[in-house]
Amino acid sequence: MNQGDHYQPPPRRSIRPREVKVDLPQFFGKDDVESYLDWEMKVEQLFAFHKVSEERKVPLATLTFQGHAMYWWTALERKRRLHNDPPMELMNKLQRLQQKDMTVEQYRQQMELYMIRAYIREEEATIVARFLSGLNLEIRDQVELLPYRDLNDLVQLCVRVEQQILRKSSKRESSHSRSLKKDYMEEEKPFEKKIISEPSKELAKKKEK
């Protein structure tokens, strides 16, 4: 080796950082809003603690799906492959999304599904504003006046308001049904008296004879 030559070490192989194993709680997809919100908050905490990248979040979360949730996700993926909606079309669907006949939880899941499929990442405040804009007016008018910290907090408030509205509606229907029954009974009473009085008149005529 000449004095002018400098030793050059062989190039190092790039070593990919080892992905941390994250143990997430299982999700069974039952119709229980509180259980779902608890699961989601726990998963978000674990993702933040382990610094999980955005690309890994959905695959990791869906691995925890069991039972109904697993069947739902499999059917959804199959439907997505069949339709293969382009991101722009999904974005338009997201912009037009309204709660309408959906429950609060169904509406929230539909919004998040469109965001996942369209690869949309937004700030919490933007997501909250998007969620509020599509809510049914009778729910939105009430929750806008209440304090909340984030989207999960807002969803819980909306669910409570939704349940109150359903209870009031059920009471009104029950009251209306009782009122109709009362009116019907009152209409039937004169007719019953007339039927009962007819034999009495016949007996009176026979006695006179």
Protein backbone atom coordinates (compact mmCIF):
# COMPACT_ATOMS: atom_id res chain seq x y z
CA MET A 1 0.00 0.00 0.00
CA ASN A 2 1.45 3.37 -0.96
CA GLN A 3 1.82 6.08 1.66
CA GLY A 4 -0.57 8.30 -0.28
CA ASP A 5 -3.30 5.70 -0.15
CA HIS A 6 -5.85 5.93 2.64
CA TYR A 7 -7.51 2.89 4.12
CA GLN A 8 -11.22 2.84 3.38
CA PRO A 9 -13.31 0.51 5.54
CA PRO A 10 -15.93 -1.58 3.73
CA PRO A 11 -19.33 0.09 3.56
CA ARG A 12 -21.61 -0.79 6.43
CA ARG A 13 -24.82 -2.59 5.77
CA SER A 14 -27.78 -0.49 6.74
CA ILE A 15 -29.51 -2.11 9.68
CA ARG A 16 -33.22 -1.54 9.89
CA PRO A 17 -34.41 -0.58 13.35
CA ARG A 18 -36.10 -3.49 15.04
CA GLU A 19 -39.83 -3.01 15.28
CA VAL A 20 -41.09 -3.07 18.84
CA LYS A 21 -43.70 -5.68 19.63
CA VAL A 22 -46.89 -4.03 20.86
CA ASP A 23 -49.40 -6.10 22.84
CA LEU A 24 -52.83 -4.60 22.21
CA PRO A 25 -56.13 -5.54 23.89
CA GLN A 26 -58.51 -7.62 21.80
CA PHE A 27 -61.65 -6.08 20.31
CA PHE A 28 -64.79 -8.15 19.74
CA GLY A 29 -66.99 -5.51 18.09
CA LYS A 30 -69.96 -5.77 20.45
CA ASP A 31 -72.68 -3.09 20.37
CA ASP A 32 -71.28 -1.37 23.44
CA VAL A 33 -70.08 2.19 22.91
CA GLU A 34 -68.27 2.43 26.24
CA SER A 35 -66.27 -0.75 25.56
CA TYR A 36 -65.26 0.49 22.11
CA LEU A 37 -64.16 3.90 23.42
CA ASP A 38 -62.15 2.25 26.22
CA TRP A 39 -60.45 -0.05 23.70
CA GLU A 40 -59.64 2.81 21.33
CA MET A 41 -58.20 5.03 24.08
CA LYS A 42 -56.04 2.15 25.38
CA VAL A 43 -54.75 1.40 21.87
CA GLU A 44 -53.92 5.08 21.24
CA GLN A 45 -52.01 5.22 24.55
CA LEU A 46 -49.98 2.14 23.62
CA PHE A 47 -49.25 3.51 20.14
CA ALA A 48 -48.03 6.78 21.64
CA PHE A 49 -45.90 5.00 24.27
CA HIS A 50 -44.20 2.73 21.72
CA LYS A 51 -43.99 5.52 19.10
CA VAL A 52 -45.79 3.40 16.48
CA SER A 53 -45.71 4.92 12.99
CA GLU A 54 -48.93 5.86 11.20
CA GLU A 55 -48.32 3.13 8.59
CA ARG A 56 -48.34 0.39 11.26
CA LYS A 57 -51.33 1.58 13.31
CA VAL A 58 -54.17 0.17 11.18
CA PRO A 59 -52.53 -3.25 10.51
CA LEU A 60 -51.69 -3.64 14.21
CA ALA A 61 -55.12 -2.55 15.42
CA THR A 62 -56.99 -4.86 13.04
CA LEU A 63 -54.92 -7.83 14.23
CA THR A 64 -56.71 -7.49 17.58
CA PHE A 65 -60.16 -7.91 16.01
CA GLN A 66 -62.04 -11.01 17.14
CA GLY A 67 -65.48 -12.45 16.39
CA HIS A 68 -67.91 -9.94 14.87
CA ALA A 69 -65.22 -7.26 14.47
CA MET A 70 -62.98 -9.63 12.49
CA TYR A 71 -65.82 -10.67 10.15
CA TRP A 72 -66.78 -7.01 9.67
CA TRP A 73 -63.22 -6.00 8.76
CA THR A 74 -62.75 -8.94 6.39
CA ALA A 75 -66.00 -8.10 4.58
CA LEU A 76 -64.96 -4.46 4.42
CA GLU A 77 -61.58 -5.29 2.89
CA ARG A 78 -63.25 -7.57 0.34
CA LYS A 79 -65.69 -4.80 -0.58
CA ARG A 80 -62.84 -2.28 -0.88
CA ARG A 81 -60.93 -4.54 -3.27
CA LEU A 82 -64.04 -5.03 -5.41
CA HIS A 83 -64.93 -1.34 -5.65
CA ASN A 84 -61.43 0.09 -5.28
CA ASP A 85 -62.71 3.65 -4.77
CA PRO A 86 -60.04 6.22 -5.71
CA PRO A 87 -58.90 8.60 -2.93
CA MET A 88 -60.62 11.61 -4.54
CA GLU A 89 -63.99 9.84 -4.58
CA LEU A 90 -63.52 8.78 -0.95
CA MET A 91 -62.66 12.37 -0.06
CA ASN A 92 -65.89 13.55 -1.68
CA LYS A 93 -67.85 10.93 0.27
CA LEU A 94 -66.21 12.13 3.47
CA GLN A 95 -67.05 15.76 2.70
CA ARG A 96 -70.72 14.87 2.08
CA LEU A 97 -71.05 12.50 5.04
CA GLN A 98 -74.07 13.21 7.29
CA GLN A 99 -75.36 11.26 10.28
CA LYS A 100 -79.02 11.07 9.14
CA ASP A 101 -80.43 7.64 10.19
CA MET A 102 -77.14 6.35 11.65
CA THR A 103 -76.47 6.23 15.37
CA VAL A 104 -73.73 8.50 16.68
CA GLU A 105 -71.31 5.57 16.92
CA GLN A 106 -72.13 4.32 13.41
CA TYR A 107 -71.58 7.83 12.05
CA ARG A 108 -68.24 8.15 13.84
CA GLN A 109 -67.06 4.76 12.53
CA GLN A 110 -68.10 5.65 8.96
CA MET A 111 -66.18 8.94 9.14
CA GLU A 112 -63.04 7.22 10.46
CA LEU A 113 -63.34 4.48 7.83
CA TYR A 114 -63.38 7.03 4.99
CA MET A 115 -60.38 8.80 6.52
CA ILE A 116 -58.41 5.54 6.80
CA ARG A 117 -59.22 4.41 3.27
CA ALA A 118 -58.42 7.84 1.78
CA TYR A 119 -55.16 8.04 3.82
CA ILE A 120 -56.27 11.32 5.42
CA ARG A 121 -54.37 12.53 8.49
CA GLU A 122 -55.80 15.62 10.19
CA GLU A 123 -55.33 17.53 13.41
CA GLU A 124 -57.69 16.66 16.27
CA ALA A 125 -59.44 20.05 16.03
CA THR A 126 -60.12 19.53 12.30
CA ILE A 127 -61.55 16.04 12.90
CA VAL A 128 -63.80 17.39 15.68
CA ALA A 129 -65.07 20.16 13.38
CA ARG A 130 -65.73 17.61 10.62
CA PHE A 131 -67.60 15.34 13.04
CA LEU A 132 -69.77 18.21 14.34
CA SER A 133 -70.67 19.45 10.86
CA GLY A 134 -72.28 16.12 9.92
CA LEU A 135 -74.18 15.52 13.17
CA ASN A 136 -77.95 15.66 13.25
CA LEU A 137 -79.02 19.20 14.19
CA GLU A 138 -80.91 18.22 17.36
CA ILE A 139 -77.76 16.60 18.77
CA ARG A 140 -75.30 19.21 17.51
CA ASP A 141 -77.26 22.12 19.00
CA GLN A 142 -76.95 20.58 22.46
CA VAL A 143 -73.34 19.35 22.46
CA GLU A 144 -71.90 22.56 21.00
CA LEU A 145 -72.80 24.28 24.28
CA LEU A 146 -71.04 21.63 26.41
CA PRO A 147 -67.30 21.41 27.25
CA TYR A 148 -65.26 18.51 25.81
CA ARG A 149 -61.53 17.73 25.53
CA ASP A 150 -61.22 15.72 22.33
CA LEU A 151 -63.15 13.61 19.80
CA ASN A 152 -63.69 10.69 22.19
CA ASP A 153 -65.07 13.04 24.82
CA LEU A 154 -67.36 14.65 22.24
CA VAL A 155 -68.63 11.26 21.02
CA GLN A 156 -69.54 10.23 24.57
CA LEU A 157 -71.50 13.48 25.02
CA CYS A 158 -73.30 12.90 21.72
CA VAL A 159 -74.23 9.34 22.73
CA ARG A 160 -75.72 10.60 26.01
CA VAL A 161 -77.73 13.30 24.20
CA GLU A 162 -78.86 10.72 21.63
CA GLN A 163 -80.09 8.40 24.41
CA GLN A 164 -81.98 11.29 26.07
CA ILE A 165 -83.69 12.12 22.77
CA LEU A 166 -84.67 8.46 22.29
CA ARG A 167 -86.10 8.26 25.82
CA LYS A 168 -88.16 11.43 25.32
CA SER A 169 -89.43 10.16 21.98
CA SER A 170 -90.39 6.83 23.58
CA LYS A 171 -92.30 8.62 26.36
CA ARG A 172 -94.19 10.77 23.85
CA GLU A 173 -95.19 7.70 21.84
CA SER A 174 -96.32 5.91 25.00
CA SER A 175 -98.35 8.95 26.13
CA HIS A 176 -99.94 9.29 22.70
CA SER A 177 -100.83 5.59 22.70
CA ARG A 178 -102.51 5.88 26.13
CA SER A 179 -104.43 8.96 24.95
CA LEU A 180 -105.73 7.12 21.88
CA LYS A 181 -106.79 4.16 24.03
CA LYS A 182 -108.64 6.48 26.43
CA ASP A 183 -110.48 8.20 23.56
CA TYR A 184 -111.43 4.83 22.12
CA MET A 185 -112.81 3.60 25.45
CA GLU A 186 -114.87 6.76 25.89
CA GLU A 187 -116.35 6.37 22.41
CA GLU A 188 -117.31 2.77 23.19
CA LYS A 189 -119.13 3.50 26.48
CA PRO A 190 -122.41 4.97 25.02
CA PHE A 191 -122.64 2.02 22.67
CA GLU A 192 -122.25 -0.43 25.57
CA LYS A 193 -124.99 1.34 27.56
CA LYS A 194 -127.35 1.17 24.61
CA ILE A 195 -126.83 -2.58 24.22
CA ILE A 196 -127.41 -3.16 27.93
CA SER A 197 -130.57 -1.03 28.04
CA GLU A 198 -132.34 -2.81 25.17
CA PRO A 199 -133.23 -6.02 27.14
CA SER A 200 -134.55 -3.87 30.01
CA LYS A 201 -137.08 -2.22 27.68
CA GLU A 202 -138.24 -5.62 26.41
CA LEU A 203 -138.82 -6.87 29.96
CA ALA A 204 -140.82 -3.75 30.82
CA LYS A 205 -143.10 -4.30 27.80
CA LYS A 206 -143.74 -7.93 28.79
CA LYS A 207 -144.72 -6.90 32.33
CA GLU A 208 -147.24 -4.36 31.00
CA LYS A 209 -148.88 -7.08 28.92
